[in-house]
Every structure is written in structure tokens, then in C-alpha cells.
Amino acid sequence: MGIRVIASQALTDYSAGRELGVVEGGTVGECLDNLTEKLPSLKQFLFDEKGGLREYVDVCVNRENVFPDPLKRTVKDGDELLLICLIGGG
């Protein structure tokens, strides 16, 4: 079954629709590593030079915000990750 990854509107350039794919992993970090293996162009957008999530990327697991340390959050088969690109403006 795997973990389904859904993207906010700002990330749909990386996929044909809102779903980015189904990935495997035991943590959010492992799932995102698996995702960026499938979609390499997404890696630079999601991660900074030190391997952490960029400050404008927010992650929800089953519609619940994951904070702090989102990459360490455990996930299980059937969970859904939602990637949100935080956009500012005024």
C-alpha cells in the first residue's frame, strides 16, 4: 500500500496532478528521500544544503501538522503526507 504523498497547489509543477506518488519509509524523512529518488528535481525545492526541510515547506501526516522535527515523525503503511509550500505576501 505505501504512504501516499499529496502536494499543495504550489508543488503541482512536479506532478501531473496533486498526488506526487506512493512512497515507502518508516519516517517522514525516509518517505521524502524515497520521493526525491523518483522526482529528483523536487529535492532542491524541499531540502536545504544541510538536508533539513526548507523553512517554507510544511508537512502534515493524515491532515495533522507535524512539528517540530517533521523528518523524524514516524509513519505507517496507509498514511498520507501532505506537502504545503508556505507563501507569504501582502
C-alpha atoms as a PDB file:
ATOM      1  CA  MET A   1       0.000   0.000   0.000  1.00  0.00           C
ATOM      2  CA  GLY A   2       2.696   2.538   0.969  1.00  0.00           C
ATOM      3  CA  ILE A   3       2.414   6.177   2.002  1.00  0.00           C
ATOM      4  CA  ARG A   4       0.587   8.487  -0.372  1.00  0.00           C
ATOM      5  CA  VAL A   5       2.158  11.929  -0.928  1.00  0.00           C
ATOM      6  CA  ILE A   6      -0.137  14.819  -1.835  1.00  0.00           C
ATOM      7  CA  ALA A   7       1.056  18.292  -2.828  1.00  0.00           C
ATOM      8  CA  SER A   8      -0.328  21.743  -2.288  1.00  0.00           C
ATOM      9  CA  GLN A   9      -1.043  23.790  -5.404  1.00  0.00           C
ATOM     10  CA  ALA A  10       2.446  25.355  -5.407  1.00  0.00           C
ATOM     11  CA  LEU A  11       4.067  21.931  -5.859  1.00  0.00           C
ATOM     12  CA  THR A  12       1.893  20.607  -8.682  1.00  0.00           C
ATOM     13  CA  ASP A  13       4.540  21.621 -11.231  1.00  0.00           C
ATOM     14  CA  TYR A  14       6.343  18.469 -10.092  1.00  0.00           C
ATOM     15  CA  SER A  15       3.469  16.139 -10.955  1.00  0.00           C
ATOM     16  CA  ALA A  16       0.569  15.773 -13.354  1.00  0.00           C
ATOM     17  CA  GLY A  17      -1.888  16.301 -10.509  1.00  0.00           C
ATOM     18  CA  ARG A  18      -1.983  16.818  -6.762  1.00  0.00           C
ATOM     19  CA  GLU A  19      -0.699  13.340  -5.957  1.00  0.00           C
ATOM     20  CA  LEU A  20       3.087  13.116  -6.188  1.00  0.00           C
ATOM     21  CA  GLY A  21       3.200   9.366  -5.714  1.00  0.00           C
ATOM     22  CA  VAL A  22       3.211   6.472  -3.293  1.00  0.00           C
ATOM     23  CA  VAL A  23       6.413   6.013  -1.330  1.00  0.00           C
ATOM     24  CA  GLU A  24       7.910   3.709   1.274  1.00  0.00           C
ATOM     25  CA  GLY A  25       9.525   4.595   4.589  1.00  0.00           C
ATOM     26  CA  GLY A  26       9.199   4.485   8.335  1.00  0.00           C
ATOM     27  CA  THR A  27       9.606   8.226   8.887  1.00  0.00           C
ATOM     28  CA  VAL A  28       8.627  11.373   7.005  1.00  0.00           C
ATOM     29  CA  GLY A  29      12.316  11.864   6.153  1.00  0.00           C
ATOM     30  CA  GLU A  30      12.637   8.378   4.652  1.00  0.00           C
ATOM     31  CA  CYS A  31       9.449   8.906   2.656  1.00  0.00           C
ATOM     32  CA  LEU A  32      10.683  12.228   1.282  1.00  0.00           C
ATOM     33  CA  ASP A  33      14.038  10.667   0.395  1.00  0.00           C
ATOM     34  CA  ASN A  34      12.149   7.949  -1.491  1.00  0.00           C
ATOM     35  CA  LEU A  35      10.025  10.607  -3.199  1.00  0.00           C
ATOM     36  CA  THR A  36      13.042  12.643  -4.320  1.00  0.00           C
ATOM     37  CA  GLU A  37      14.620   9.500  -5.791  1.00  0.00           C
ATOM     38  CA  LYS A  38      11.545   9.287  -8.022  1.00  0.00           C
ATOM     39  CA  LEU A  39      11.331  13.061  -8.620  1.00  0.00           C
ATOM     40  CA  PRO A  40      14.928  14.370  -8.356  1.00  0.00           C
ATOM     41  CA  SER A  41      14.003  17.955  -9.270  1.00  0.00           C
ATOM     42  CA  LEU A  42      11.936  18.142  -6.083  1.00  0.00           C
ATOM     43  CA  LYS A  43      14.960  17.575  -3.802  1.00  0.00           C
ATOM     44  CA  GLN A  44      16.418  21.068  -4.144  1.00  0.00           C
ATOM     45  CA  PHE A  45      12.986  22.601  -3.610  1.00  0.00           C
ATOM     46  CA  LEU A  46      12.262  20.648  -0.400  1.00  0.00           C
ATOM     47  CA  PHE A  47      15.692  20.400   1.272  1.00  0.00           C
ATOM     48  CA  ASP A  48      18.372  22.911   2.214  1.00  0.00           C
ATOM     49  CA  GLU A  49      22.124  22.323   1.892  1.00  0.00           C
ATOM     50  CA  LYS A  50      22.240  20.576   5.307  1.00  0.00           C
ATOM     51  CA  GLY A  51      19.450  18.124   4.450  1.00  0.00           C
ATOM     52  CA  GLY A  52      16.758  19.812   6.518  1.00  0.00           C
ATOM     53  CA  LEU A  53      13.404  20.924   5.205  1.00  0.00           C
ATOM     54  CA  ARG A  54      13.398  24.419   3.809  1.00  0.00           C
ATOM     55  CA  GLU A  55      11.658  26.970   6.023  1.00  0.00           C
ATOM     56  CA  TYR A  56       8.778  27.387   3.568  1.00  0.00           C
ATOM     57  CA  VAL A  57       7.883  23.663   3.476  1.00  0.00           C
ATOM     58  CA  ASP A  58       5.307  22.349   5.934  1.00  0.00           C
ATOM     59  CA  VAL A  59       4.348  18.679   6.323  1.00  0.00           C
ATOM     60  CA  CYS A  60       1.108  17.144   7.549  1.00  0.00           C
ATOM     61  CA  VAL A  61       0.587  13.447   8.311  1.00  0.00           C
ATOM     62  CA  ASN A  62      -3.039  12.432   7.901  1.00  0.00           C
ATOM     63  CA  ARG A  63      -4.008  16.130   7.871  1.00  0.00           C
ATOM     64  CA  GLU A  64      -2.216  16.812  11.180  1.00  0.00           C
ATOM     65  CA  ASN A  65       0.642  19.321  11.179  1.00  0.00           C
ATOM     66  CA  VAL A  66       3.974  17.722  12.066  1.00  0.00           C
ATOM     67  CA  PHE A  67       6.063  19.998  14.261  1.00  0.00           C
ATOM     68  CA  PRO A  68       8.813  20.039  15.477  1.00  0.00           C
ATOM     69  CA  ASP A  69      11.227  17.688  13.727  1.00  0.00           C
ATOM     70  CA  PRO A  70       8.908  16.653  10.893  1.00  0.00           C
ATOM     71  CA  LEU A  71      11.563  14.464   9.248  1.00  0.00           C
ATOM     72  CA  LYS A  72      11.728  12.232  12.361  1.00  0.00           C
ATOM     73  CA  ARG A  73       7.960  11.685  12.610  1.00  0.00           C
ATOM     74  CA  THR A  74       7.094   8.024  12.197  1.00  0.00           C
ATOM     75  CA  VAL A  75       4.575   6.930   9.570  1.00  0.00           C
ATOM     76  CA  LYS A  76       2.893   3.646   8.792  1.00  0.00           C
ATOM     77  CA  ASP A  77       1.513   1.927   5.748  1.00  0.00           C
ATOM     78  CA  GLY A  78      -1.633   3.701   4.543  1.00  0.00           C
ATOM     79  CA  ASP A  79      -0.724   7.142   5.939  1.00  0.00           C
ATOM     80  CA  GLU A  80      -0.962  10.259   3.819  1.00  0.00           C
ATOM     81  CA  LEU A  81       1.642  13.016   3.669  1.00  0.00           C
ATOM     82  CA  LEU A  82       0.576  16.481   2.612  1.00  0.00           C
ATOM     83  CA  LEU A  83       3.349  18.826   1.497  1.00  0.00           C
ATOM     84  CA  ILE A  84       2.487  22.505   1.796  1.00  0.00           C
ATOM     85  CA  CYS A  85       4.513  25.351   0.377  1.00  0.00           C
ATOM     86  CA  LEU A  86       4.084  28.346   2.684  1.00  0.00           C
ATOM     87  CA  ILE A  87       3.743  31.504   0.644  1.00  0.00           C
ATOM     88  CA  GLY A  88       3.975  35.000   2.072  1.00  0.00           C
ATOM     89  CA  GLY A  89       2.884  38.247   0.625  1.00  0.00           C
ATOM     90  CA  GLY A  90       0.894  41.285   1.307  1.00  0.00           C
END
